[in-house]
Amino acid sequence: MTHTTYLAHALPVWNKLTPAQQQLLQNNAVMRYFKKGEALHSGSADCSGLFLVKSGQVRAFILSETGREITLYQLFERDICLFSASCMLSSIQFEIYLTAEKDTEALLIPTAVYKELMEQSAVVANFTNQLMASRFTDVMWLIEQVLFKSMDTRLASFLLAQQNINQTDTLHLTQEEMAQHMGTAREVVTRLLKYFQAEGMVHLFRGGITITDTNRLQQLADA
């Protein structure tokens, strides 16, 4: 699939752009390839542009001053990360990091190009506002989880979400990776997983976990 075909397929506002604006995107968008674990974006100083995911899976996260990570959201096919170009939004300086969780192809729309389109097109500006609102909704949901949900409830919700994303009961995630997603210490995750296993909800193995009782995990997640 060519750049043009994918842009037309995946970018919601494509058909509302003028031919000149479509040509601007075609001439400047670049397909990038990232191996699992490779960084796509490293904070506000790295303002290369918007990423439109073609295939794979990307994790968006923030870092605390002590180096602890917490996942804000995950990106999949046809998802767009606006905050990787936050330098074009004068009121927002968002220290966000993007890492490929699987081998990933993503179309990079340079910041200057997208900013030009926003200035030219009310449709693009409105789309950007909608996208920003959607991402901030994800962040507010996360804040609510951190502030008002217990860690065992959050872990149960996380495991169920990963089960749904990967369409399998067996998750190849280390306890360190789970802790990074949730913004907590590995020891906390280890203790809770051992409890879940003792209760028959999961089975632990080196480098992963198998969910053995989805219903009980769901009850805990809903508590």
N, C-alpha and C. Protein backbone atom coordinates (compact mmCIF):
# COMPACT_ATOMS: atom_id res chain seq x y z
N MET A 1 0.85 -1.19 0.00
CA MET A 1 0.00 0.00 0.00
C MET A 1 0.89 1.24 0.00
N THR A 2 0.69 2.13 -0.94
CA THR A 2 1.49 3.34 -1.04
C THR A 2 1.10 4.34 0.06
N HIS A 3 1.97 5.36 0.24
CA HIS A 3 1.68 6.42 1.21
C HIS A 3 0.31 7.04 0.94
N THR A 4 0.08 7.36 -0.33
CA THR A 4 -1.17 8.03 -0.71
C THR A 4 -2.37 7.17 -0.39
N THR A 5 -2.28 5.90 -0.73
CA THR A 5 -3.40 4.99 -0.48
C THR A 5 -3.66 4.87 1.01
N TYR A 6 -2.58 4.75 1.79
CA TYR A 6 -2.78 4.60 3.24
C TYR A 6 -3.30 5.88 3.87
N LEU A 7 -2.80 7.02 3.44
CA LEU A 7 -3.32 8.29 3.96
C LEU A 7 -4.81 8.41 3.68
N ALA A 8 -5.20 8.10 2.46
CA ALA A 8 -6.61 8.18 2.08
C ALA A 8 -7.46 7.19 2.87
N HIS A 9 -6.86 6.04 3.19
CA HIS A 9 -7.57 4.98 3.91
C HIS A 9 -7.70 5.28 5.40
N ALA A 10 -6.64 5.85 5.99
CA ALA A 10 -6.57 5.94 7.44
C ALA A 10 -6.79 7.33 8.03
N LEU A 11 -6.57 8.38 7.25
CA LEU A 11 -6.72 9.74 7.78
C LEU A 11 -8.15 10.21 7.57
N PRO A 12 -8.91 10.41 8.65
CA PRO A 12 -10.35 10.71 8.52
C PRO A 12 -10.67 11.96 7.70
N VAL A 13 -9.76 12.94 7.70
CA VAL A 13 -10.07 14.21 7.02
C VAL A 13 -9.55 14.26 5.59
N TRP A 14 -9.00 13.16 5.09
CA TRP A 14 -8.35 13.16 3.78
C TRP A 14 -9.25 13.71 2.68
N ASN A 15 -10.47 13.22 2.61
CA ASN A 15 -11.38 13.61 1.52
C ASN A 15 -11.86 15.06 1.61
N LYS A 16 -11.59 15.70 2.74
CA LYS A 16 -11.99 17.10 2.91
C LYS A 16 -10.83 18.06 2.68
N LEU A 17 -9.68 17.52 2.31
CA LEU A 17 -8.54 18.35 1.98
C LEU A 17 -8.58 18.75 0.51
N THR A 18 -8.00 19.89 0.20
CA THR A 18 -7.90 20.29 -1.20
C THR A 18 -6.83 19.43 -1.89
N PRO A 19 -6.84 19.36 -3.21
CA PRO A 19 -5.78 18.62 -3.91
C PRO A 19 -4.38 19.08 -3.53
N ALA A 20 -4.20 20.39 -3.35
CA ALA A 20 -2.88 20.92 -2.97
C ALA A 20 -2.48 20.43 -1.57
N GLN A 21 -3.44 20.39 -0.66
CA GLN A 21 -3.15 19.92 0.69
C GLN A 21 -2.85 18.41 0.70
N GLN A 22 -3.59 17.66 -0.10
CA GLN A 22 -3.31 16.23 -0.22
C GLN A 22 -1.90 16.01 -0.78
N GLN A 23 -1.54 16.82 -1.76
CA GLN A 23 -0.21 16.70 -2.35
C GLN A 23 0.88 17.03 -1.34
N LEU A 24 0.61 18.02 -0.49
CA LEU A 24 1.57 18.39 0.55
C LEU A 24 1.84 17.21 1.48
N LEU A 25 0.79 16.51 1.85
CA LEU A 25 0.97 15.33 2.70
C LEU A 25 1.70 14.22 1.97
N GLN A 26 1.30 13.97 0.74
CA GLN A 26 1.93 12.91 -0.04
C GLN A 26 3.43 13.14 -0.18
N ASN A 27 3.82 14.39 -0.39
CA ASN A 27 5.22 14.72 -0.64
C ASN A 27 6.09 14.65 0.61
N ASN A 28 5.46 14.76 1.79
CA ASN A 28 6.26 14.91 3.00
C ASN A 28 6.11 13.78 4.02
N ALA A 29 5.03 13.02 3.96
CA ALA A 29 4.85 11.91 4.90
C ALA A 29 5.89 10.82 4.60
N VAL A 30 6.43 10.24 5.65
CA VAL A 30 7.49 9.25 5.51
C VAL A 30 7.12 8.00 6.31
N MET A 31 7.25 6.82 5.69
CA MET A 31 6.99 5.59 6.41
C MET A 31 8.23 5.23 7.22
N ARG A 32 8.01 4.98 8.50
CA ARG A 32 9.11 4.61 9.39
C ARG A 32 8.88 3.20 9.93
N TYR A 33 9.96 2.51 10.20
CA TYR A 33 9.89 1.13 10.68
C TYR A 33 10.61 1.04 12.02
N PHE A 34 9.97 0.40 13.00
CA PHE A 34 10.54 0.30 14.35
C PHE A 34 10.46 -1.15 14.83
N LYS A 35 11.58 -1.62 15.35
CA LYS A 35 11.62 -2.94 15.95
C LYS A 35 10.99 -2.89 17.34
N LYS A 36 10.53 -4.04 17.83
CA LYS A 36 9.98 -4.12 19.17
C LYS A 36 10.99 -3.57 20.17
N GLY A 37 10.54 -2.66 21.04
CA GLY A 37 11.40 -2.06 22.04
C GLY A 37 12.07 -0.78 21.60
N GLU A 38 11.99 -0.45 20.32
CA GLU A 38 12.63 0.76 19.81
C GLU A 38 11.78 2.00 20.09
N ALA A 39 12.44 3.11 20.39
CA ALA A 39 11.74 4.36 20.69
C ALA A 39 11.31 5.06 19.42
N LEU A 40 10.06 5.53 19.38
CA LEU A 40 9.57 6.36 18.29
C LEU A 40 9.73 7.83 18.62
N HIS A 41 9.61 8.16 19.92
CA HIS A 41 9.57 9.56 20.34
C HIS A 41 10.08 9.64 21.77
N SER A 42 10.89 10.65 22.07
CA SER A 42 11.55 10.73 23.38
C SER A 42 11.37 12.09 24.03
N GLY A 43 10.15 12.44 24.37
CA GLY A 43 9.90 13.67 25.10
C GLY A 43 9.71 14.89 24.21
N SER A 44 9.43 16.03 24.84
CA SER A 44 9.06 17.24 24.10
C SER A 44 10.19 17.79 23.24
N ALA A 45 11.44 17.48 23.59
CA ALA A 45 12.55 17.96 22.78
C ALA A 45 12.60 17.28 21.42
N ASP A 46 11.93 16.13 21.33
CA ASP A 46 11.88 15.36 20.08
C ASP A 46 10.52 15.62 19.44
N CYS A 47 10.45 16.61 18.57
CA CYS A 47 9.15 17.02 18.01
C CYS A 47 9.14 16.78 16.50
N SER A 48 9.31 15.53 16.13
CA SER A 48 9.45 15.19 14.71
C SER A 48 8.13 15.24 13.95
N GLY A 49 7.01 14.95 14.63
CA GLY A 49 5.73 15.00 13.94
C GLY A 49 4.72 14.04 14.50
N LEU A 50 3.60 13.89 13.77
CA LEU A 50 2.54 12.98 14.17
C LEU A 50 2.82 11.59 13.61
N PHE A 51 2.54 10.57 14.41
CA PHE A 51 2.67 9.20 13.95
C PHE A 51 1.29 8.61 13.69
N LEU A 52 1.10 8.09 12.49
CA LEU A 52 -0.11 7.39 12.10
C LEU A 52 0.27 5.91 11.95
N VAL A 53 -0.22 5.09 12.87
CA VAL A 53 0.22 3.69 12.93
C VAL A 53 -0.42 2.89 11.79
N LYS A 54 0.43 2.20 11.03
CA LYS A 54 -0.03 1.34 9.95
C LYS A 54 -0.17 -0.10 10.42
N SER A 55 0.79 -0.57 11.19
CA SER A 55 0.73 -1.92 11.75
C SER A 55 1.58 -1.96 13.00
N GLY A 56 1.32 -2.95 13.84
CA GLY A 56 2.08 -3.09 15.07
C GLY A 56 1.35 -2.53 16.27
N GLN A 57 2.10 -2.14 17.28
CA GLN A 57 1.52 -1.67 18.54
C GLN A 57 2.51 -0.74 19.22
N VAL A 58 2.02 0.40 19.70
CA VAL A 58 2.88 1.42 20.30
C VAL A 58 2.35 1.77 21.68
N ARG A 59 3.28 1.94 22.61
CA ARG A 59 2.93 2.34 23.98
C ARG A 59 3.32 3.79 24.19
N ALA A 60 2.38 4.60 24.67
CA ALA A 60 2.63 5.99 25.03
C ALA A 60 2.70 6.08 26.55
N PHE A 61 3.78 6.64 27.07
CA PHE A 61 3.93 6.68 28.53
C PHE A 61 4.66 7.95 28.96
N ILE A 62 4.61 8.22 30.26
CA ILE A 62 5.35 9.33 30.85
C ILE A 62 6.32 8.78 31.88
N LEU A 63 7.30 9.60 32.23
CA LEU A 63 8.33 9.23 33.19
C LEU A 63 8.29 10.16 34.40
N SER A 64 8.42 9.58 35.59
CA SER A 64 8.55 10.41 36.79
C SER A 64 10.00 10.86 36.93
N GLU A 65 10.25 11.76 37.87
CA GLU A 65 11.62 12.24 38.10
C GLU A 65 12.54 11.12 38.56
N THR A 66 11.96 10.08 39.15
CA THR A 66 12.76 8.95 39.63
C THR A 66 12.92 7.87 38.56
N GLY A 67 12.34 8.11 37.37
CA GLY A 67 12.48 7.15 36.29
C GLY A 67 11.40 6.11 36.21
N ARG A 68 10.36 6.22 37.03
CA ARG A 68 9.25 5.27 36.98
C ARG A 68 8.32 5.62 35.83
N GLU A 69 7.87 4.61 35.11
CA GLU A 69 7.01 4.80 33.95
C GLU A 69 5.56 4.48 34.29
N ILE A 70 4.64 5.11 33.54
CA ILE A 70 3.24 4.72 33.60
C ILE A 70 2.63 4.92 32.21
N THR A 71 1.91 3.93 31.76
CA THR A 71 1.32 3.97 30.42
C THR A 71 0.10 4.89 30.40
N LEU A 72 0.08 5.78 29.40
CA LEU A 72 -1.08 6.66 29.20
C LEU A 72 -2.11 5.99 28.31
N TYR A 73 -1.65 5.42 27.20
CA TYR A 73 -2.53 4.70 26.29
C TYR A 73 -1.67 3.89 25.32
N GLN A 74 -2.32 3.02 24.57
CA GLN A 74 -1.64 2.24 23.54
C GLN A 74 -2.24 2.57 22.19
N LEU A 75 -1.41 2.49 21.15
CA LEU A 75 -1.82 2.84 19.80
C LEU A 75 -1.78 1.59 18.92
N PHE A 76 -2.79 1.48 18.06
CA PHE A 76 -2.90 0.34 17.16
C PHE A 76 -3.12 0.84 15.74
N GLU A 77 -3.43 -0.07 14.83
CA GLU A 77 -3.60 0.30 13.43
C GLU A 77 -4.59 1.46 13.27
N ARG A 78 -4.17 2.48 12.50
CA ARG A 78 -4.94 3.67 12.16
C ARG A 78 -5.06 4.67 13.32
N ASP A 79 -4.42 4.38 14.46
CA ASP A 79 -4.39 5.36 15.55
C ASP A 79 -3.35 6.43 15.25
N ILE A 80 -3.60 7.62 15.77
CA ILE A 80 -2.71 8.76 15.56
C ILE A 80 -2.23 9.28 16.91
N CYS A 81 -0.93 9.56 17.03
CA CYS A 81 -0.41 10.19 18.24
C CYS A 81 -0.15 11.66 17.95
N LEU A 82 -0.96 12.50 18.53
CA LEU A 82 -0.82 13.95 18.36
C LEU A 82 0.29 14.52 19.23
N PHE A 83 0.46 13.96 20.43
CA PHE A 83 1.39 14.54 21.39
C PHE A 83 2.85 14.36 21.00
N SER A 84 3.13 13.53 20.00
CA SER A 84 4.50 13.44 19.51
C SER A 84 4.87 14.68 18.69
N ALA A 85 3.87 15.55 18.47
CA ALA A 85 4.12 16.84 17.81
C ALA A 85 3.58 17.97 18.68
N SER A 86 3.68 17.80 20.00
CA SER A 86 3.09 18.77 20.93
C SER A 86 3.74 20.15 20.84
N CYS A 87 4.96 20.25 20.26
CA CYS A 87 5.63 21.55 20.17
C CYS A 87 4.88 22.51 19.25
N MET A 88 3.98 21.99 18.41
CA MET A 88 3.22 22.89 17.54
C MET A 88 1.99 23.44 18.26
N LEU A 89 1.71 22.89 19.46
CA LEU A 89 0.57 23.36 20.25
C LEU A 89 1.14 24.25 21.35
N SER A 90 1.01 25.54 21.19
CA SER A 90 1.73 26.49 22.04
C SER A 90 1.37 26.37 23.52
N SER A 91 0.17 25.91 23.82
CA SER A 91 -0.27 25.84 25.22
C SER A 91 0.06 24.51 25.87
N ILE A 92 0.69 23.59 25.13
CA ILE A 92 0.95 22.26 25.66
C ILE A 92 2.42 21.89 25.46
N GLN A 93 3.07 21.52 26.54
CA GLN A 93 4.40 20.92 26.46
C GLN A 93 4.30 19.58 27.17
N PHE A 94 4.13 18.54 26.41
CA PHE A 94 3.80 17.24 26.95
C PHE A 94 5.01 16.32 26.84
N GLU A 95 5.56 15.91 27.98
CA GLU A 95 6.72 15.04 28.00
C GLU A 95 6.26 13.59 27.84
N ILE A 96 5.97 13.22 26.62
CA ILE A 96 5.47 11.88 26.35
C ILE A 96 6.53 11.08 25.61
N TYR A 97 6.52 9.78 25.86
CA TYR A 97 7.47 8.87 25.22
C TYR A 97 6.68 7.77 24.50
N LEU A 98 7.18 7.39 23.34
CA LEU A 98 6.54 6.33 22.55
C LEU A 98 7.54 5.22 22.30
N THR A 99 7.11 3.99 22.54
CA THR A 99 7.95 2.82 22.31
C THR A 99 7.14 1.76 21.57
N ALA A 100 7.76 1.09 20.61
CA ALA A 100 7.10 0.01 19.87
C ALA A 100 7.00 -1.22 20.76
N GLU A 101 5.78 -1.71 20.98
CA GLU A 101 5.59 -2.93 21.76
C GLU A 101 5.65 -4.17 20.86
N LYS A 102 5.48 -3.95 19.58
CA LYS A 102 5.66 -4.98 18.57
C LYS A 102 6.39 -4.32 17.40
N ASP A 103 6.90 -5.11 16.47
CA ASP A 103 7.45 -4.51 15.26
C ASP A 103 6.37 -3.64 14.63
N THR A 104 6.72 -2.41 14.30
CA THR A 104 5.70 -1.41 13.95
C THR A 104 6.09 -0.63 12.69
N GLU A 105 5.08 -0.39 11.85
CA GLU A 105 5.20 0.56 10.73
C GLU A 105 4.31 1.76 11.06
N ALA A 106 4.85 2.94 10.91
CA ALA A 106 4.07 4.14 11.20
C ALA A 106 4.43 5.24 10.21
N LEU A 107 3.42 5.92 9.75
CA LEU A 107 3.63 7.02 8.82
C LEU A 107 3.87 8.29 9.64
N LEU A 108 4.99 8.94 9.40
CA LEU A 108 5.33 10.16 10.12
C LEU A 108 4.96 11.37 9.29
N ILE A 109 4.07 12.21 9.85
CA ILE A 109 3.70 13.48 9.22
C ILE A 109 4.47 14.57 9.93
N PRO A 110 5.43 15.22 9.26
CA PRO A 110 6.28 16.21 9.94
C PRO A 110 5.47 17.32 10.61
N THR A 111 5.97 17.78 11.73
CA THR A 111 5.27 18.80 12.51
C THR A 111 4.94 20.04 11.68
N ALA A 112 5.92 20.56 10.94
CA ALA A 112 5.71 21.79 10.16
C ALA A 112 4.61 21.61 9.12
N VAL A 113 4.55 20.42 8.52
CA VAL A 113 3.53 20.14 7.51
C VAL A 113 2.15 20.11 8.14
N TYR A 114 2.02 19.42 9.26
CA TYR A 114 0.71 19.32 9.90
C TYR A 114 0.27 20.69 10.44
N LYS A 115 1.22 21.46 10.97
CA LYS A 115 0.88 22.80 11.46
C LYS A 115 0.38 23.67 10.33
N GLU A 116 0.99 23.56 9.16
CA GLU A 116 0.54 24.32 7.99
C GLU A 116 -0.89 23.93 7.61
N LEU A 117 -1.18 22.64 7.64
CA LEU A 117 -2.53 22.19 7.32
C LEU A 117 -3.54 22.71 8.34
N MET A 118 -3.17 22.70 9.61
CA MET A 118 -4.07 23.21 10.65
C MET A 118 -4.39 24.68 10.42
N GLU A 119 -3.38 25.44 10.00
CA GLU A 119 -3.58 26.87 9.77
C GLU A 119 -4.42 27.13 8.52
N GLN A 120 -4.35 26.23 7.55
CA GLN A 120 -5.10 26.40 6.30
C GLN A 120 -6.52 25.88 6.37
N SER A 121 -6.73 24.83 7.16
CA SER A 121 -7.98 24.09 7.09
C SER A 121 -8.69 24.03 8.44
N ALA A 122 -9.92 24.55 8.49
CA ALA A 122 -10.73 24.45 9.71
C ALA A 122 -11.07 22.99 10.01
N VAL A 123 -11.20 22.18 8.96
CA VAL A 123 -11.51 20.76 9.14
C VAL A 123 -10.38 20.07 9.89
N VAL A 124 -9.13 20.35 9.49
CA VAL A 124 -7.98 19.75 10.16
C VAL A 124 -7.87 20.26 11.60
N ALA A 125 -8.11 21.55 11.80
CA ALA A 125 -8.05 22.13 13.15
C ALA A 125 -9.10 21.48 14.06
N ASN A 126 -10.32 21.28 13.54
CA ASN A 126 -11.37 20.65 14.33
C ASN A 126 -11.03 19.19 14.64
N PHE A 127 -10.48 18.50 13.63
CA PHE A 127 -10.07 17.12 13.83
C PHE A 127 -8.99 17.03 14.91
N THR A 128 -8.06 17.97 14.90
CA THR A 128 -6.99 18.00 15.89
C THR A 128 -7.56 18.21 17.29
N ASN A 129 -8.53 19.10 17.42
CA ASN A 129 -9.17 19.34 18.72
C ASN A 129 -9.89 18.09 19.22
N GLN A 130 -10.56 17.39 18.31
CA GLN A 130 -11.26 16.16 18.69
C GLN A 130 -10.26 15.09 19.13
N LEU A 131 -9.16 14.99 18.40
CA LEU A 131 -8.14 14.02 18.74
C LEU A 131 -7.52 14.33 20.10
N MET A 132 -7.26 15.61 20.34
CA MET A 132 -6.69 16.02 21.61
C MET A 132 -7.66 15.71 22.75
N ALA A 133 -8.94 15.98 22.54
CA ALA A 133 -9.94 15.72 23.58
C ALA A 133 -10.01 14.22 23.89
N SER A 134 -9.92 13.40 22.84
CA SER A 134 -9.96 11.96 23.03
C SER A 134 -8.78 11.47 23.85
N ARG A 135 -7.60 11.99 23.55
CA ARG A 135 -6.40 11.57 24.29
C ARG A 135 -6.45 12.07 25.73
N PHE A 136 -6.94 13.27 25.95
CA PHE A 136 -7.04 13.76 27.31
C PHE A 136 -8.09 12.97 28.11
N THR A 137 -9.10 12.46 27.43
CA THR A 137 -10.06 11.57 28.09
C THR A 137 -9.37 10.31 28.58
N ASP A 138 -8.48 9.76 27.74
CA ASP A 138 -7.69 8.59 28.15
C ASP A 138 -6.86 8.91 29.39
N VAL A 139 -6.23 10.08 29.39
CA VAL A 139 -5.38 10.47 30.50
C VAL A 139 -6.21 10.69 31.77
N MET A 140 -7.38 11.31 31.65
CA MET A 140 -8.23 11.53 32.82
C MET A 140 -8.74 10.22 33.39
N TRP A 141 -9.04 9.25 32.50
CA TRP A 141 -9.44 7.92 32.97
C TRP A 141 -8.31 7.31 33.78
N LEU A 142 -7.08 7.45 33.30
CA LEU A 142 -5.93 6.91 34.01
C LEU A 142 -5.78 7.56 35.38
N ILE A 143 -5.92 8.88 35.43
CA ILE A 143 -5.81 9.59 36.71
C ILE A 143 -6.86 9.09 37.69
N GLU A 144 -8.07 8.89 37.20
CA GLU A 144 -9.15 8.36 38.05
C GLU A 144 -8.79 6.98 38.60
N GLN A 145 -8.22 6.14 37.73
CA GLN A 145 -7.81 4.80 38.17
C GLN A 145 -6.75 4.88 39.26
N VAL A 146 -5.76 5.73 39.06
CA VAL A 146 -4.65 5.84 40.01
C VAL A 146 -5.13 6.39 41.35
N LEU A 147 -6.02 7.39 41.31
CA LEU A 147 -6.45 8.05 42.52
C LEU A 147 -7.50 7.28 43.31
N PHE A 148 -8.39 6.59 42.61
CA PHE A 148 -9.57 6.05 43.28
C PHE A 148 -9.71 4.53 43.25
N LYS A 149 -8.84 3.85 42.53
CA LYS A 149 -8.93 2.39 42.45
C LYS A 149 -7.77 1.75 43.19
N SER A 150 -8.04 0.62 43.85
CA SER A 150 -6.97 -0.10 44.52
C SER A 150 -6.07 -0.77 43.48
N MET A 151 -4.85 -1.13 43.88
CA MET A 151 -3.90 -1.69 42.93
C MET A 151 -4.35 -3.05 42.41
N ASP A 152 -5.00 -3.87 43.24
CA ASP A 152 -5.46 -5.17 42.75
C ASP A 152 -6.56 -5.01 41.70
N THR A 153 -7.42 -4.01 41.89
CA THR A 153 -8.46 -3.73 40.90
C THR A 153 -7.85 -3.24 39.59
N ARG A 154 -6.85 -2.36 39.69
CA ARG A 154 -6.18 -1.85 38.50
C ARG A 154 -5.45 -2.96 37.75
N LEU A 155 -4.80 -3.86 38.48
CA LEU A 155 -4.08 -4.95 37.84
C LEU A 155 -5.05 -5.89 37.13
N ALA A 156 -6.18 -6.19 37.76
CA ALA A 156 -7.18 -7.04 37.12
C ALA A 156 -7.69 -6.39 35.83
N SER A 157 -7.95 -5.08 35.88
CA SER A 157 -8.42 -4.37 34.69
C SER A 157 -7.36 -4.39 33.59
N PHE A 158 -6.10 -4.22 33.98
CA PHE A 158 -5.01 -4.23 33.01
C PHE A 158 -4.90 -5.59 32.33
N LEU A 159 -4.96 -6.66 33.10
CA LEU A 159 -4.85 -8.01 32.52
C LEU A 159 -6.00 -8.29 31.56
N LEU A 160 -7.20 -7.88 31.92
CA LEU A 160 -8.36 -8.09 31.05
C LEU A 160 -8.23 -7.27 29.76
N ALA A 161 -7.71 -6.06 29.88
CA ALA A 161 -7.52 -5.22 28.69
C ALA A 161 -6.50 -5.86 27.75
N GLN A 162 -5.41 -6.39 28.30
CA GLN A 162 -4.41 -7.04 27.47
C GLN A 162 -4.93 -8.33 26.86
N GLN A 163 -5.76 -9.03 27.60
CA GLN A 163 -6.41 -10.23 27.06
C GLN A 163 -7.26 -9.88 25.84
N ASN A 164 -7.99 -8.78 25.93
CA ASN A 164 -8.85 -8.34 24.83
C ASN A 164 -8.02 -7.85 23.65
N ILE A 165 -6.95 -7.10 23.92
CA ILE A 165 -6.11 -6.57 22.86
C ILE A 165 -5.45 -7.69 22.07
N ASN A 166 -4.92 -8.68 22.79
CA ASN A 166 -4.16 -9.75 22.15
C ASN A 166 -5.00 -10.95 21.75
N GLN A 167 -6.28 -10.96 22.19
CA GLN A 167 -7.20 -12.04 21.86
C GLN A 167 -6.65 -13.41 22.27
N THR A 168 -6.08 -13.45 23.48
CA THR A 168 -5.55 -14.70 24.01
C THR A 168 -5.50 -14.61 25.53
N ASP A 169 -5.60 -15.78 26.19
CA ASP A 169 -5.49 -15.83 27.65
C ASP A 169 -4.03 -15.82 28.11
N THR A 170 -3.11 -16.10 27.20
CA THR A 170 -1.69 -16.16 27.55
C THR A 170 -1.00 -14.87 27.14
N LEU A 171 -0.49 -14.16 28.12
CA LEU A 171 0.13 -12.86 27.89
C LEU A 171 1.63 -12.97 28.12
N HIS A 172 2.40 -12.63 27.10
CA HIS A 172 3.86 -12.67 27.22
C HIS A 172 4.36 -11.31 27.67
N LEU A 173 4.11 -11.03 28.94
CA LEU A 173 4.54 -9.78 29.58
C LEU A 173 5.27 -10.14 30.85
N THR A 174 6.42 -9.54 31.07
CA THR A 174 7.12 -9.77 32.32
C THR A 174 6.47 -8.94 33.42
N GLN A 175 6.76 -9.29 34.66
CA GLN A 175 6.21 -8.53 35.78
C GLN A 175 6.78 -7.11 35.80
N GLU A 176 8.00 -6.94 35.33
CA GLU A 176 8.58 -5.60 35.22
C GLU A 176 7.82 -4.76 34.20
N GLU A 177 7.45 -5.37 33.07
CA GLU A 177 6.69 -4.65 32.04
C GLU A 177 5.31 -4.27 32.56
N MET A 178 4.66 -5.17 33.31
CA MET A 178 3.36 -4.85 33.89
C MET A 178 3.48 -3.68 34.86
N ALA A 179 4.54 -3.69 35.67
CA ALA A 179 4.76 -2.60 36.63
C ALA A 179 4.97 -1.28 35.91
N GLN A 180 5.71 -1.30 34.79
CA GLN A 180 5.93 -0.08 34.02
C GLN A 180 4.62 0.46 33.45
N HIS A 181 3.78 -0.44 32.95
CA HIS A 181 2.47 0.00 32.44
C HIS A 181 1.67 0.71 33.53
N MET A 182 1.75 0.18 34.75
CA MET A 182 0.87 0.65 35.81
C MET A 182 1.49 1.72 36.70
N GLY A 183 2.78 2.00 36.48
CA GLY A 183 3.43 3.04 37.27
C GLY A 183 3.67 2.65 38.71
N THR A 184 4.01 1.39 38.93
CA THR A 184 4.26 0.93 40.29
C THR A 184 5.54 0.10 40.32
N ALA A 185 5.87 -0.43 41.50
CA ALA A 185 7.08 -1.24 41.64
C ALA A 185 6.80 -2.68 41.23
N ARG A 186 7.83 -3.33 40.70
CA ARG A 186 7.67 -4.73 40.29
C ARG A 186 7.26 -5.59 41.48
N GLU A 187 7.77 -5.28 42.67
CA GLU A 187 7.44 -6.09 43.84
C GLU A 187 5.95 -6.07 44.14
N VAL A 188 5.30 -4.94 43.89
CA VAL A 188 3.85 -4.83 44.11
C VAL A 188 3.10 -5.76 43.16
N VAL A 189 3.50 -5.72 41.88
CA VAL A 189 2.86 -6.58 40.88
C VAL A 189 3.11 -8.05 41.21
N THR A 190 4.33 -8.40 41.60
CA THR A 190 4.66 -9.78 41.95
C THR A 190 3.78 -10.28 43.08
N ARG A 191 3.63 -9.47 44.12
CA ARG A 191 2.81 -9.88 45.26
C ARG A 191 1.35 -10.10 44.86
N LEU A 192 0.82 -9.19 44.06
CA LEU A 192 -0.58 -9.33 43.64
C LEU A 192 -0.78 -10.52 42.71
N LEU A 193 0.16 -10.75 41.80
CA LEU A 193 0.03 -11.89 40.89
C LEU A 193 0.09 -13.21 41.64
N LYS A 194 0.93 -13.28 42.66
CA LYS A 194 0.98 -14.49 43.47
C LYS A 194 -0.35 -14.72 44.18
N TYR A 195 -0.97 -13.63 44.63
CA TYR A 195 -2.31 -13.74 45.25
C TYR A 195 -3.33 -14.20 44.21
N PHE A 196 -3.30 -13.59 43.01
CA PHE A 196 -4.22 -13.99 41.95
C PHE A 196 -4.04 -15.48 41.63
N GLN A 197 -2.80 -15.94 41.60
CA GLN A 197 -2.54 -17.34 41.29
C GLN A 197 -3.07 -18.25 42.40
N ALA A 198 -2.86 -17.85 43.64
CA ALA A 198 -3.36 -18.64 44.78
C ALA A 198 -4.88 -18.75 44.76
N GLU A 199 -5.52 -17.72 44.22
CA GLU A 199 -6.99 -17.71 44.13
C GLU A 199 -7.51 -18.37 42.85
N GLY A 200 -6.60 -18.87 42.01
CA GLY A 200 -7.01 -19.59 40.81
C GLY A 200 -7.39 -18.73 39.63
N MET A 201 -7.04 -17.42 39.67
CA MET A 201 -7.42 -16.52 38.59
C MET A 201 -6.40 -16.51 37.46
N VAL A 202 -5.14 -16.78 37.78
CA VAL A 202 -4.07 -16.77 36.78
C VAL A 202 -3.09 -17.90 37.07
N HIS A 203 -2.28 -18.19 36.06
CA HIS A 203 -1.14 -19.10 36.22
C HIS A 203 0.09 -18.36 35.75
N LEU A 204 1.12 -18.33 36.58
CA LEU A 204 2.35 -17.61 36.26
C LEU A 204 3.39 -18.56 35.66
N PHE A 205 4.11 -18.05 34.69
CA PHE A 205 5.25 -18.77 34.14
C PHE A 205 6.33 -17.76 33.80
N ARG A 206 7.54 -18.24 33.57
CA ARG A 206 8.64 -17.32 33.31
C ARG A 206 8.36 -16.49 32.06
N GLY A 207 8.32 -15.18 32.23
CA GLY A 207 8.11 -14.28 31.10
C GLY A 207 6.67 -14.06 30.71
N GLY A 208 5.72 -14.53 31.55
CA GLY A 208 4.32 -14.32 31.16
C GLY A 208 3.33 -14.83 32.18
N ILE A 209 2.08 -14.83 31.75
CA ILE A 209 0.96 -15.17 32.62
C ILE A 209 -0.17 -15.73 31.76
N THR A 210 -0.89 -16.71 32.31
CA THR A 210 -2.10 -17.22 31.65
C THR A 210 -3.30 -16.92 32.53
N ILE A 211 -4.30 -16.28 31.97
CA ILE A 211 -5.53 -16.00 32.71
C ILE A 211 -6.37 -17.27 32.73
N THR A 212 -6.72 -17.74 33.91
CA THR A 212 -7.45 -19.00 34.05
C THR A 212 -8.89 -18.82 34.52
N ASP A 213 -9.23 -17.63 35.01
CA ASP A 213 -10.60 -17.38 35.45
C ASP A 213 -10.97 -15.93 35.12
N THR A 214 -11.43 -15.72 33.90
CA THR A 214 -11.78 -14.38 33.44
C THR A 214 -12.91 -13.77 34.27
N ASN A 215 -13.89 -14.58 34.63
CA ASN A 215 -15.05 -14.07 35.37
C ASN A 215 -14.64 -13.48 36.72
N ARG A 216 -13.77 -14.17 37.44
CA ARG A 216 -13.36 -13.67 38.75
C ARG A 216 -12.50 -12.42 38.61
N LEU A 217 -11.66 -12.38 37.58
CA LEU A 217 -10.88 -11.16 37.33
C LEU A 217 -11.81 -9.99 37.02
N GLN A 218 -12.86 -10.26 36.24
CA GLN A 218 -13.81 -9.21 35.89
C GLN A 218 -14.55 -8.70 37.13
N GLN A 219 -14.91 -9.61 38.02
CA GLN A 219 -15.56 -9.20 39.27
C GLN A 219 -14.65 -8.30 40.09
N LEU A 220 -13.36 -8.65 40.13
CA LEU A 220 -12.40 -7.83 40.87
C LEU A 220 -12.22 -6.47 40.20
N ALA A 221 -12.16 -6.46 38.85
CA ALA A 221 -11.98 -5.22 38.10
C ALA A 221 -13.18 -4.28 38.30
N ASP A 222 -14.36 -4.85 38.49
CA ASP A 222 -15.58 -4.06 38.65
C ASP A 222 -15.81 -3.62 40.08
N ALA A 223 -15.00 -4.10 41.01
CA ALA A 223 -15.22 -3.80 42.43
C ALA A 223 -15.00 -2.33 42.73
